[in-house]
Amino acid sequence: MVPAPFIVVLDANVLFPFTLRDTLLRAAAAGFYQVRWSAQILDEMARNLVSTGMMTEDKATRLRSVMEREFPDAGVKGYEPLIAAMENDEKDRHVVAAAIKAGAQVVTTANLRDFTRLPDGLEAQSPDEFLCNLFDLDPEEFMALLREQAEDLVKPPMTFDELLERLARIVPDFVALVRHHVAASGTA
């Protein structure tokens, strides 16, 4: 697949749940979109993973390092002067400013209410809507990505159906779309 030309900023809240983060980053690595984030977004992700007990500080630091290594072009810098001009919720203006600086078309966030009044050319999408849109780009390629994701999960091991069950808690419409595709194609 030729890498998609469109740029997407992932908010910290979609980088928090392991399975969702894994799916989103795999889709970026496969060229479905170009991922972007700021140091502030990654700080928030790591801080929340640690404060909720999901990860130790060391693990969160390693996760961040791996993300930065695997996506060396994802880091957005120099967006800070734009923050004050953003009109969305004050605590998330840094995300929109990073998106504008990056030339992003989409911010993917689980908190849409804080992303109203966005600059022209930028829209906020829930992770559910965003993954549905990605799936529609190339359903077969996305199915392969999900199957590989399930196969790669070994601690604990996870079947494809178990992966979908986990994702369904966060992105139910996306999982319904995947299950419909599985049923229609006759594959399991």
N, C-alpha and C. Protein backbone atom coordinates (compact mmCIF):
# COMPACT_ATOMS: atom_id res chain seq x y z
N MET A 1 0.84 -1.17 0.00
CA MET A 1 0.00 0.00 0.00
C MET A 1 0.89 1.24 0.00
N VAL A 2 0.56 2.19 -0.84
CA VAL A 2 1.26 3.48 -0.88
C VAL A 2 0.82 4.27 0.35
N PRO A 3 1.76 4.84 1.10
CA PRO A 3 1.36 5.57 2.30
C PRO A 3 0.33 6.66 1.99
N ALA A 4 -0.68 6.74 2.82
CA ALA A 4 -1.73 7.74 2.64
C ALA A 4 -1.14 9.13 2.82
N PRO A 5 -1.62 10.09 2.04
CA PRO A 5 -1.09 11.43 2.15
C PRO A 5 -1.66 12.21 3.33
N PHE A 6 -2.71 11.69 3.96
CA PHE A 6 -3.33 12.52 4.99
C PHE A 6 -2.71 12.27 6.36
N ILE A 7 -2.68 13.37 7.12
CA ILE A 7 -1.98 13.42 8.39
C ILE A 7 -3.00 13.48 9.52
N VAL A 8 -2.74 12.71 10.57
CA VAL A 8 -3.67 12.60 11.69
C VAL A 8 -2.89 12.76 13.00
N VAL A 9 -3.39 13.64 13.86
CA VAL A 9 -2.83 13.76 15.21
C VAL A 9 -3.67 12.89 16.13
N LEU A 10 -2.98 12.04 16.88
CA LEU A 10 -3.65 11.18 17.86
C LEU A 10 -3.58 11.86 19.22
N ASP A 11 -4.74 12.07 19.83
CA ASP A 11 -4.81 12.64 21.17
C ASP A 11 -4.34 11.58 22.17
N ALA A 12 -3.90 12.02 23.33
CA ALA A 12 -3.37 11.11 24.35
C ALA A 12 -4.39 10.05 24.76
N ASN A 13 -5.67 10.40 24.76
CA ASN A 13 -6.68 9.45 25.24
C ASN A 13 -6.88 8.26 24.30
N VAL A 14 -6.49 8.36 23.04
CA VAL A 14 -6.59 7.19 22.16
C VAL A 14 -5.29 6.38 22.19
N LEU A 15 -4.26 6.93 22.80
CA LEU A 15 -3.00 6.21 22.97
C LEU A 15 -2.94 5.49 24.31
N PHE A 16 -3.95 5.69 25.13
CA PHE A 16 -3.99 5.10 26.46
C PHE A 16 -4.38 3.61 26.43
N PRO A 17 -5.50 3.22 25.83
CA PRO A 17 -5.87 1.79 25.84
C PRO A 17 -4.93 0.98 24.95
N PHE A 18 -4.33 -0.07 25.51
CA PHE A 18 -3.32 -0.85 24.79
C PHE A 18 -3.79 -1.33 23.42
N THR A 19 -4.93 -2.01 23.39
CA THR A 19 -5.37 -2.62 22.13
C THR A 19 -5.67 -1.56 21.07
N LEU A 20 -6.30 -0.49 21.47
CA LEU A 20 -6.59 0.59 20.52
C LEU A 20 -5.29 1.23 20.03
N ARG A 21 -4.38 1.53 20.95
CA ARG A 21 -3.08 2.12 20.57
C ARG A 21 -2.37 1.21 19.57
N ASP A 22 -2.36 -0.08 19.86
CA ASP A 22 -1.70 -1.05 18.99
C ASP A 22 -2.32 -1.02 17.60
N THR A 23 -3.64 -1.02 17.51
CA THR A 23 -4.32 -1.01 16.22
C THR A 23 -4.03 0.28 15.46
N LEU A 24 -4.13 1.41 16.14
CA LEU A 24 -3.88 2.70 15.49
C LEU A 24 -2.44 2.80 14.98
N LEU A 25 -1.49 2.37 15.78
CA LEU A 25 -0.09 2.48 15.36
C LEU A 25 0.24 1.48 14.25
N ARG A 26 -0.34 0.31 14.29
CA ARG A 26 -0.14 -0.65 13.20
C ARG A 26 -0.71 -0.10 11.89
N ALA A 27 -1.85 0.57 11.98
CA ALA A 27 -2.45 1.16 10.77
C ALA A 27 -1.55 2.25 10.21
N ALA A 28 -0.95 3.04 11.08
CA ALA A 28 0.00 4.07 10.62
C ALA A 28 1.23 3.42 10.00
N ALA A 29 1.75 2.39 10.65
CA ALA A 29 2.94 1.70 10.12
C ALA A 29 2.65 1.06 8.76
N ALA A 30 1.41 0.64 8.56
CA ALA A 30 1.02 0.01 7.29
C ALA A 30 0.73 1.05 6.20
N GLY A 31 0.78 2.34 6.55
CA GLY A 31 0.59 3.38 5.54
C GLY A 31 -0.83 3.84 5.34
N PHE A 32 -1.74 3.50 6.26
CA PHE A 32 -3.12 3.96 6.13
C PHE A 32 -3.23 5.47 6.37
N TYR A 33 -2.33 6.02 7.17
CA TYR A 33 -2.29 7.45 7.44
C TYR A 33 -0.92 7.79 7.99
N GLN A 34 -0.63 9.08 8.08
CA GLN A 34 0.61 9.55 8.67
C GLN A 34 0.31 10.03 10.09
N VAL A 35 0.90 9.39 11.07
CA VAL A 35 0.63 9.72 12.47
C VAL A 35 1.50 10.89 12.93
N ARG A 36 0.87 11.73 13.77
CA ARG A 36 1.58 12.84 14.38
C ARG A 36 1.15 12.95 15.84
N TRP A 37 2.07 13.48 16.67
CA TRP A 37 1.81 13.79 18.06
C TRP A 37 2.84 14.80 18.51
N SER A 38 2.62 15.37 19.65
CA SER A 38 3.59 16.31 20.22
C SER A 38 4.18 15.68 21.48
N ALA A 39 5.26 16.27 21.97
CA ALA A 39 5.84 15.81 23.23
C ALA A 39 4.81 15.94 24.35
N GLN A 40 4.00 16.98 24.30
CA GLN A 40 2.97 17.20 25.31
C GLN A 40 1.92 16.09 25.29
N ILE A 41 1.54 15.64 24.11
CA ILE A 41 0.59 14.53 23.99
C ILE A 41 1.20 13.25 24.57
N LEU A 42 2.46 12.98 24.23
CA LEU A 42 3.11 11.77 24.76
C LEU A 42 3.33 11.87 26.26
N ASP A 43 3.61 13.08 26.76
CA ASP A 43 3.74 13.27 28.21
C ASP A 43 2.43 12.90 28.91
N GLU A 44 1.33 13.38 28.34
CA GLU A 44 0.00 13.11 28.93
C GLU A 44 -0.31 11.62 28.88
N MET A 45 0.01 10.97 27.76
CA MET A 45 -0.22 9.53 27.65
C MET A 45 0.55 8.79 28.75
N ALA A 46 1.84 9.07 28.86
CA ALA A 46 2.68 8.38 29.83
C ALA A 46 2.22 8.66 31.26
N ARG A 47 1.93 9.91 31.54
CA ARG A 47 1.49 10.30 32.88
C ARG A 47 0.21 9.55 33.27
N ASN A 48 -0.73 9.44 32.34
CA ASN A 48 -1.99 8.75 32.63
C ASN A 48 -1.81 7.24 32.75
N LEU A 49 -0.93 6.67 31.95
CA LEU A 49 -0.66 5.23 32.07
C LEU A 49 -0.08 4.92 33.45
N VAL A 50 0.78 5.78 33.93
CA VAL A 50 1.41 5.58 35.24
C VAL A 50 0.42 5.86 36.37
N SER A 51 -0.30 6.97 36.28
CA SER A 51 -1.19 7.36 37.38
C SER A 51 -2.36 6.40 37.58
N THR A 52 -2.75 5.69 36.53
CA THR A 52 -3.84 4.72 36.65
C THR A 52 -3.34 3.32 36.99
N GLY A 53 -2.02 3.17 37.08
CA GLY A 53 -1.46 1.87 37.42
C GLY A 53 -1.37 0.91 36.24
N MET A 54 -1.64 1.40 35.04
CA MET A 54 -1.55 0.54 33.86
C MET A 54 -0.11 0.14 33.55
N MET A 55 0.83 1.04 33.88
CA MET A 55 2.24 0.80 33.61
C MET A 55 3.08 1.45 34.71
N THR A 56 4.25 0.91 34.89
CA THR A 56 5.22 1.59 35.74
C THR A 56 5.80 2.75 34.95
N GLU A 57 6.46 3.63 35.63
CA GLU A 57 7.09 4.76 34.95
C GLU A 57 8.14 4.28 33.94
N ASP A 58 8.88 3.25 34.31
CA ASP A 58 9.89 2.69 33.38
C ASP A 58 9.25 2.15 32.11
N LYS A 59 8.16 1.41 32.27
CA LYS A 59 7.48 0.86 31.09
C LYS A 59 6.90 1.96 30.21
N ALA A 60 6.32 2.97 30.83
CA ALA A 60 5.76 4.10 30.06
C ALA A 60 6.87 4.82 29.30
N THR A 61 8.02 4.97 29.92
CA THR A 61 9.16 5.61 29.26
C THR A 61 9.64 4.77 28.09
N ARG A 62 9.69 3.45 28.28
CA ARG A 62 10.09 2.55 27.18
C ARG A 62 9.09 2.60 26.04
N LEU A 63 7.79 2.60 26.37
CA LEU A 63 6.75 2.69 25.35
C LEU A 63 6.94 3.95 24.52
N ARG A 64 7.12 5.05 25.18
CA ARG A 64 7.31 6.32 24.48
C ARG A 64 8.54 6.26 23.58
N SER A 65 9.62 5.70 24.08
CA SER A 65 10.85 5.58 23.29
C SER A 65 10.63 4.73 22.04
N VAL A 66 9.92 3.64 22.20
CA VAL A 66 9.63 2.77 21.06
C VAL A 66 8.77 3.52 20.03
N MET A 67 7.75 4.23 20.50
CA MET A 67 6.89 4.98 19.60
C MET A 67 7.69 6.03 18.84
N GLU A 68 8.55 6.74 19.53
CA GLU A 68 9.36 7.77 18.88
C GLU A 68 10.37 7.17 17.91
N ARG A 69 10.90 6.00 18.24
CA ARG A 69 11.85 5.33 17.35
C ARG A 69 11.15 4.81 16.09
N GLU A 70 10.00 4.19 16.27
CA GLU A 70 9.28 3.59 15.15
C GLU A 70 8.62 4.62 14.24
N PHE A 71 8.32 5.79 14.78
CA PHE A 71 7.68 6.86 14.01
C PHE A 71 8.50 8.14 14.17
N PRO A 72 9.69 8.16 13.60
CA PRO A 72 10.60 9.30 13.82
C PRO A 72 10.08 10.63 13.28
N ASP A 73 9.16 10.59 12.33
CA ASP A 73 8.61 11.82 11.76
C ASP A 73 7.32 12.28 12.44
N ALA A 74 6.89 11.55 13.46
CA ALA A 74 5.60 11.85 14.09
C ALA A 74 5.63 13.06 15.02
N GLY A 75 6.77 13.37 15.58
CA GLY A 75 6.86 14.45 16.54
C GLY A 75 6.66 15.82 15.91
N VAL A 76 5.72 16.58 16.45
CA VAL A 76 5.44 17.94 15.97
C VAL A 76 6.09 18.92 16.94
N LYS A 77 6.84 19.84 16.38
CA LYS A 77 7.53 20.86 17.19
C LYS A 77 7.13 22.24 16.68
N GLY A 78 7.30 23.25 17.54
CA GLY A 78 7.07 24.62 17.12
C GLY A 78 5.61 25.03 17.04
N TYR A 79 4.73 24.28 17.66
CA TYR A 79 3.29 24.58 17.62
C TYR A 79 2.86 25.51 18.75
N GLU A 80 3.72 25.69 19.74
CA GLU A 80 3.35 26.43 20.95
C GLU A 80 2.82 27.85 20.68
N PRO A 81 3.41 28.60 19.74
CA PRO A 81 2.87 29.95 19.49
C PRO A 81 1.42 29.95 18.97
N LEU A 82 0.95 28.82 18.46
CA LEU A 82 -0.41 28.74 17.91
C LEU A 82 -1.47 28.45 18.97
N ILE A 83 -1.05 27.98 20.13
CA ILE A 83 -2.00 27.51 21.15
C ILE A 83 -3.02 28.59 21.52
N ALA A 84 -2.57 29.79 21.76
CA ALA A 84 -3.47 30.86 22.23
C ALA A 84 -4.56 31.20 21.22
N ALA A 85 -4.32 30.96 19.94
CA ALA A 85 -5.31 31.30 18.92
C ALA A 85 -6.38 30.22 18.73
N MET A 86 -6.19 29.06 19.32
CA MET A 86 -7.16 27.98 19.15
C MET A 86 -8.41 28.27 19.97
N GLU A 87 -9.57 27.86 19.46
CA GLU A 87 -10.84 28.18 20.09
C GLU A 87 -11.54 26.99 20.72
N ASN A 88 -10.93 25.83 20.68
CA ASN A 88 -11.54 24.66 21.32
C ASN A 88 -11.27 24.71 22.82
N ASP A 89 -11.67 23.68 23.54
CA ASP A 89 -11.48 23.64 24.99
C ASP A 89 -10.02 23.94 25.35
N GLU A 90 -9.85 24.77 26.35
CA GLU A 90 -8.51 25.27 26.70
C GLU A 90 -7.49 24.17 26.96
N LYS A 91 -7.90 23.10 27.65
CA LYS A 91 -6.93 22.06 28.00
C LYS A 91 -6.48 21.23 26.79
N ASP A 92 -7.20 21.32 25.69
CA ASP A 92 -6.83 20.57 24.49
C ASP A 92 -6.40 21.46 23.33
N ARG A 93 -6.18 22.72 23.59
CA ARG A 93 -5.74 23.62 22.52
C ARG A 93 -4.37 23.22 21.98
N HIS A 94 -3.53 22.66 22.84
CA HIS A 94 -2.20 22.23 22.39
C HIS A 94 -2.31 21.14 21.32
N VAL A 95 -3.32 20.30 21.42
CA VAL A 95 -3.51 19.22 20.43
C VAL A 95 -3.88 19.82 19.07
N VAL A 96 -4.80 20.77 19.08
CA VAL A 96 -5.23 21.42 17.83
C VAL A 96 -4.08 22.23 17.24
N ALA A 97 -3.33 22.92 18.09
CA ALA A 97 -2.18 23.69 17.60
C ALA A 97 -1.16 22.77 16.94
N ALA A 98 -0.91 21.62 17.54
CA ALA A 98 0.01 20.64 16.95
C ALA A 98 -0.53 20.15 15.61
N ALA A 99 -1.84 19.93 15.54
CA ALA A 99 -2.45 19.48 14.28
C ALA A 99 -2.30 20.52 13.18
N ILE A 100 -2.51 21.79 13.52
CA ILE A 100 -2.36 22.86 12.53
C ILE A 100 -0.91 22.93 12.06
N LYS A 101 0.02 22.89 13.00
CA LYS A 101 1.44 22.96 12.65
C LYS A 101 1.84 21.79 11.75
N ALA A 102 1.27 20.62 12.01
CA ALA A 102 1.59 19.42 11.24
C ALA A 102 0.89 19.36 9.89
N GLY A 103 -0.09 20.24 9.66
CA GLY A 103 -0.87 20.18 8.43
C GLY A 103 -1.85 19.02 8.44
N ALA A 104 -2.31 18.62 9.62
CA ALA A 104 -3.21 17.48 9.77
C ALA A 104 -4.62 17.82 9.28
N GLN A 105 -5.31 16.80 8.82
CA GLN A 105 -6.71 16.94 8.44
C GLN A 105 -7.63 16.46 9.55
N VAL A 106 -7.11 15.60 10.44
CA VAL A 106 -7.93 14.96 11.46
C VAL A 106 -7.19 14.93 12.79
N VAL A 107 -7.95 15.14 13.86
CA VAL A 107 -7.50 14.83 15.22
C VAL A 107 -8.38 13.67 15.66
N THR A 108 -7.75 12.58 16.07
CA THR A 108 -8.51 11.45 16.58
C THR A 108 -8.49 11.51 18.09
N THR A 109 -9.69 11.59 18.67
CA THR A 109 -9.83 11.76 20.12
C THR A 109 -11.08 11.05 20.62
N ALA A 110 -11.01 10.60 21.85
CA ALA A 110 -12.18 10.00 22.49
C ALA A 110 -13.01 11.07 23.21
N ASN A 111 -12.57 12.31 23.10
CA ASN A 111 -13.22 13.41 23.81
C ASN A 111 -13.65 14.49 22.82
N LEU A 112 -14.59 14.17 21.97
CA LEU A 112 -15.01 15.08 20.90
C LEU A 112 -15.54 16.41 21.41
N ARG A 113 -16.16 16.43 22.58
CA ARG A 113 -16.76 17.68 23.08
C ARG A 113 -15.72 18.78 23.30
N ASP A 114 -14.45 18.41 23.47
CA ASP A 114 -13.39 19.41 23.65
C ASP A 114 -12.77 19.85 22.33
N PHE A 115 -13.31 19.35 21.23
CA PHE A 115 -12.74 19.65 19.92
C PHE A 115 -13.78 20.23 18.97
N THR A 116 -14.60 21.13 19.49
CA THR A 116 -15.51 21.89 18.63
C THR A 116 -14.80 23.20 18.30
N ARG A 117 -15.33 23.92 17.36
CA ARG A 117 -14.74 25.19 16.93
C ARG A 117 -13.29 25.01 16.49
N LEU A 118 -13.12 24.11 15.54
CA LEU A 118 -11.79 23.85 15.00
C LEU A 118 -11.53 24.73 13.78
N PRO A 119 -10.28 24.99 13.50
CA PRO A 119 -9.94 25.75 12.29
C PRO A 119 -10.42 25.02 11.03
N ASP A 120 -10.70 25.78 9.98
CA ASP A 120 -11.13 25.20 8.72
C ASP A 120 -10.10 24.18 8.24
N GLY A 121 -10.61 23.09 7.69
CA GLY A 121 -9.74 22.05 7.16
C GLY A 121 -9.32 21.00 8.17
N LEU A 122 -9.76 21.15 9.42
CA LEU A 122 -9.42 20.19 10.47
C LEU A 122 -10.71 19.69 11.09
N GLU A 123 -10.79 18.38 11.27
CA GLU A 123 -11.96 17.81 11.94
C GLU A 123 -11.52 16.84 13.01
N ALA A 124 -12.37 16.70 14.01
CA ALA A 124 -12.14 15.72 15.07
C ALA A 124 -12.98 14.50 14.78
N GLN A 125 -12.37 13.33 14.93
CA GLN A 125 -13.09 12.07 14.74
C GLN A 125 -12.83 11.19 15.96
N SER A 126 -13.86 10.48 16.36
CA SER A 126 -13.69 9.49 17.43
C SER A 126 -12.81 8.37 16.87
N PRO A 127 -12.18 7.60 17.74
CA PRO A 127 -11.40 6.47 17.22
C PRO A 127 -12.28 5.47 16.47
N ASP A 128 -13.53 5.36 16.86
CA ASP A 128 -14.45 4.46 16.18
C ASP A 128 -14.68 4.91 14.73
N GLU A 129 -15.04 6.19 14.57
CA GLU A 129 -15.25 6.73 13.23
C GLU A 129 -13.97 6.66 12.40
N PHE A 130 -12.86 7.02 13.02
CA PHE A 130 -11.58 7.02 12.31
C PHE A 130 -11.21 5.63 11.81
N LEU A 131 -11.33 4.62 12.67
CA LEU A 131 -10.98 3.26 12.24
C LEU A 131 -11.95 2.75 11.17
N CYS A 132 -13.22 3.12 11.25
CA CYS A 132 -14.17 2.74 10.19
C CYS A 132 -13.73 3.33 8.85
N ASN A 133 -13.31 4.60 8.89
CA ASN A 133 -12.85 5.25 7.66
C ASN A 133 -11.59 4.58 7.11
N LEU A 134 -10.67 4.23 7.99
CA LEU A 134 -9.45 3.53 7.54
C LEU A 134 -9.80 2.17 6.95
N PHE A 135 -10.68 1.45 7.61
CA PHE A 135 -11.07 0.13 7.14
C PHE A 135 -11.64 0.20 5.72
N ASP A 136 -12.45 1.23 5.47
CA ASP A 136 -13.05 1.40 4.15
C ASP A 136 -12.03 1.65 3.04
N LEU A 137 -10.84 2.14 3.41
CA LEU A 137 -9.80 2.38 2.40
C LEU A 137 -9.32 1.09 1.75
N ASP A 138 -9.18 0.04 2.56
CA ASP A 138 -8.70 -1.25 2.06
C ASP A 138 -9.05 -2.34 3.07
N PRO A 139 -10.30 -2.84 2.99
CA PRO A 139 -10.75 -3.82 3.99
C PRO A 139 -9.86 -5.06 4.09
N GLU A 140 -9.39 -5.56 2.98
CA GLU A 140 -8.57 -6.79 3.02
C GLU A 140 -7.24 -6.53 3.72
N GLU A 141 -6.62 -5.41 3.41
CA GLU A 141 -5.35 -5.07 4.05
C GLU A 141 -5.55 -4.84 5.55
N PHE A 142 -6.66 -4.21 5.90
CA PHE A 142 -6.92 -3.96 7.32
C PHE A 142 -7.22 -5.27 8.05
N MET A 143 -7.90 -6.19 7.39
CA MET A 143 -8.15 -7.50 8.00
C MET A 143 -6.82 -8.21 8.26
N ALA A 144 -5.92 -8.14 7.31
CA ALA A 144 -4.60 -8.77 7.50
C ALA A 144 -3.87 -8.13 8.68
N LEU A 145 -3.97 -6.82 8.80
CA LEU A 145 -3.35 -6.10 9.91
C LEU A 145 -3.91 -6.60 11.25
N LEU A 146 -5.22 -6.74 11.34
CA LEU A 146 -5.85 -7.20 12.58
C LEU A 146 -5.48 -8.65 12.90
N ARG A 147 -5.42 -9.47 11.88
CA ARG A 147 -5.04 -10.88 12.11
C ARG A 147 -3.60 -10.96 12.60
N GLU A 148 -2.73 -10.16 12.02
CA GLU A 148 -1.33 -10.13 12.46
C GLU A 148 -1.23 -9.61 13.90
N GLN A 149 -2.03 -8.61 14.21
CA GLN A 149 -2.04 -8.06 15.57
C GLN A 149 -2.40 -9.16 16.56
N ALA A 150 -3.44 -9.92 16.27
CA ALA A 150 -3.86 -11.00 17.17
C ALA A 150 -2.77 -12.06 17.30
N GLU A 151 -2.14 -12.40 16.19
CA GLU A 151 -1.07 -13.41 16.22
C GLU A 151 0.13 -12.94 17.03
N ASP A 152 0.41 -11.65 16.99
CA ASP A 152 1.57 -11.10 17.70
C ASP A 152 1.37 -11.01 19.21
N LEU A 153 0.12 -11.05 19.65
CA LEU A 153 -0.15 -10.93 21.08
C LEU A 153 0.05 -12.28 21.76
N VAL A 154 1.09 -12.36 22.57
CA VAL A 154 1.45 -13.64 23.18
C VAL A 154 1.43 -13.60 24.72
N LYS A 155 1.43 -12.42 25.30
CA LYS A 155 1.41 -12.30 26.77
C LYS A 155 0.27 -11.39 27.18
N PRO A 156 -0.92 -11.87 27.34
CA PRO A 156 -1.37 -13.23 27.09
C PRO A 156 -1.70 -13.45 25.61
N PRO A 157 -1.75 -14.70 25.18
CA PRO A 157 -2.14 -14.96 23.79
C PRO A 157 -3.59 -14.51 23.57
N MET A 158 -3.86 -14.11 22.32
CA MET A 158 -5.19 -13.61 22.02
C MET A 158 -5.59 -14.08 20.62
N THR A 159 -6.78 -14.63 20.52
CA THR A 159 -7.29 -15.01 19.21
C THR A 159 -7.80 -13.77 18.50
N PHE A 160 -8.07 -13.91 17.23
CA PHE A 160 -8.65 -12.82 16.45
C PHE A 160 -9.98 -12.38 17.07
N ASP A 161 -10.83 -13.34 17.44
CA ASP A 161 -12.13 -13.00 18.04
C ASP A 161 -11.95 -12.31 19.39
N GLU A 162 -10.97 -12.73 20.17
CA GLU A 162 -10.72 -12.07 21.46
C GLU A 162 -10.23 -10.63 21.25
N LEU A 163 -9.41 -10.44 20.22
CA LEU A 163 -8.96 -9.09 19.89
C LEU A 163 -10.17 -8.21 19.55
N LEU A 164 -11.07 -8.75 18.73
CA LEU A 164 -12.27 -7.99 18.37
C LEU A 164 -13.13 -7.69 19.59
N GLU A 165 -13.25 -8.65 20.50
CA GLU A 165 -14.02 -8.42 21.72
C GLU A 165 -13.42 -7.27 22.53
N ARG A 166 -12.11 -7.25 22.64
CA ARG A 166 -11.45 -6.16 23.38
C ARG A 166 -11.68 -4.81 22.69
N LEU A 167 -11.50 -4.80 21.38
CA LEU A 167 -11.69 -3.56 20.64
C LEU A 167 -13.15 -3.08 20.70
N ALA A 168 -14.08 -4.02 20.74
CA ALA A 168 -15.51 -3.67 20.74
C ALA A 168 -15.90 -2.82 21.94
N ARG A 169 -15.15 -2.92 23.03
CA ARG A 169 -15.44 -2.11 24.21
C ARG A 169 -15.18 -0.63 23.94
N ILE A 170 -14.30 -0.34 22.99
CA ILE A 170 -13.88 1.03 22.74
C ILE A 170 -14.38 1.53 21.38
N VAL A 171 -14.35 0.65 20.38
CA VAL A 171 -14.71 1.03 19.01
C VAL A 171 -15.74 0.04 18.46
N PRO A 172 -16.97 0.07 19.00
CA PRO A 172 -17.97 -0.94 18.63
C PRO A 172 -18.40 -0.89 17.17
N ASP A 173 -18.52 0.29 16.58
CA ASP A 173 -18.94 0.37 15.18
C ASP A 173 -17.87 -0.23 14.26
N PHE A 174 -16.63 0.05 14.57
CA PHE A 174 -15.52 -0.51 13.80
C PHE A 174 -15.55 -2.04 13.86
N VAL A 175 -15.72 -2.59 15.05
CA VAL A 175 -15.75 -4.04 15.19
C VAL A 175 -16.96 -4.62 14.47
N ALA A 176 -18.09 -3.95 14.51
CA ALA A 176 -19.27 -4.42 13.78
C ALA A 176 -18.98 -4.45 12.28
N LEU A 177 -18.27 -3.44 11.79
CA LEU A 177 -17.88 -3.40 10.38
C LEU A 177 -16.95 -4.56 10.03
N VAL A 178 -15.98 -4.83 10.89
CA VAL A 178 -15.05 -5.94 10.67
C VAL A 178 -15.81 -7.26 10.67
N ARG A 179 -16.68 -7.44 11.65
CA ARG A 179 -17.44 -8.70 11.74
C ARG A 179 -18.36 -8.88 10.54
N HIS A 180 -18.94 -7.80 10.08
CA HIS A 180 -19.78 -7.87 8.87
C HIS A 180 -18.95 -8.31 7.68
N HIS A 181 -17.75 -7.75 7.57
CA HIS A 181 -16.86 -8.10 6.47
C HIS A 181 -16.47 -9.59 6.56
N VAL A 182 -16.17 -10.05 7.76
CA VAL A 182 -15.82 -11.47 7.96
C VAL A 182 -16.98 -12.36 7.52
N ALA A 183 -18.20 -12.01 7.94
CA ALA A 183 -19.38 -12.81 7.59
C ALA A 183 -19.63 -12.80 6.09
N ALA A 184 -19.47 -11.63 5.48
CA ALA A 184 -19.73 -11.50 4.05
C ALA A 184 -18.69 -12.23 3.21
N SER A 185 -17.46 -12.27 3.70
CA SER A 185 -16.39 -12.91 2.93
C SER A 185 -16.30 -14.40 3.23
N GLY A 186 -16.99 -14.85 4.28
CA GLY A 186 -16.97 -16.26 4.62
C GLY A 186 -15.68 -16.73 5.26
N THR A 187 -14.86 -15.77 5.74
CA THR A 187 -13.62 -16.16 6.42
C THR A 187 -13.81 -15.99 7.92
N ALA A 188 -13.03 -16.72 8.66
CA ALA A 188 -13.14 -16.61 10.13
C ALA A 188 -11.88 -16.06 10.70
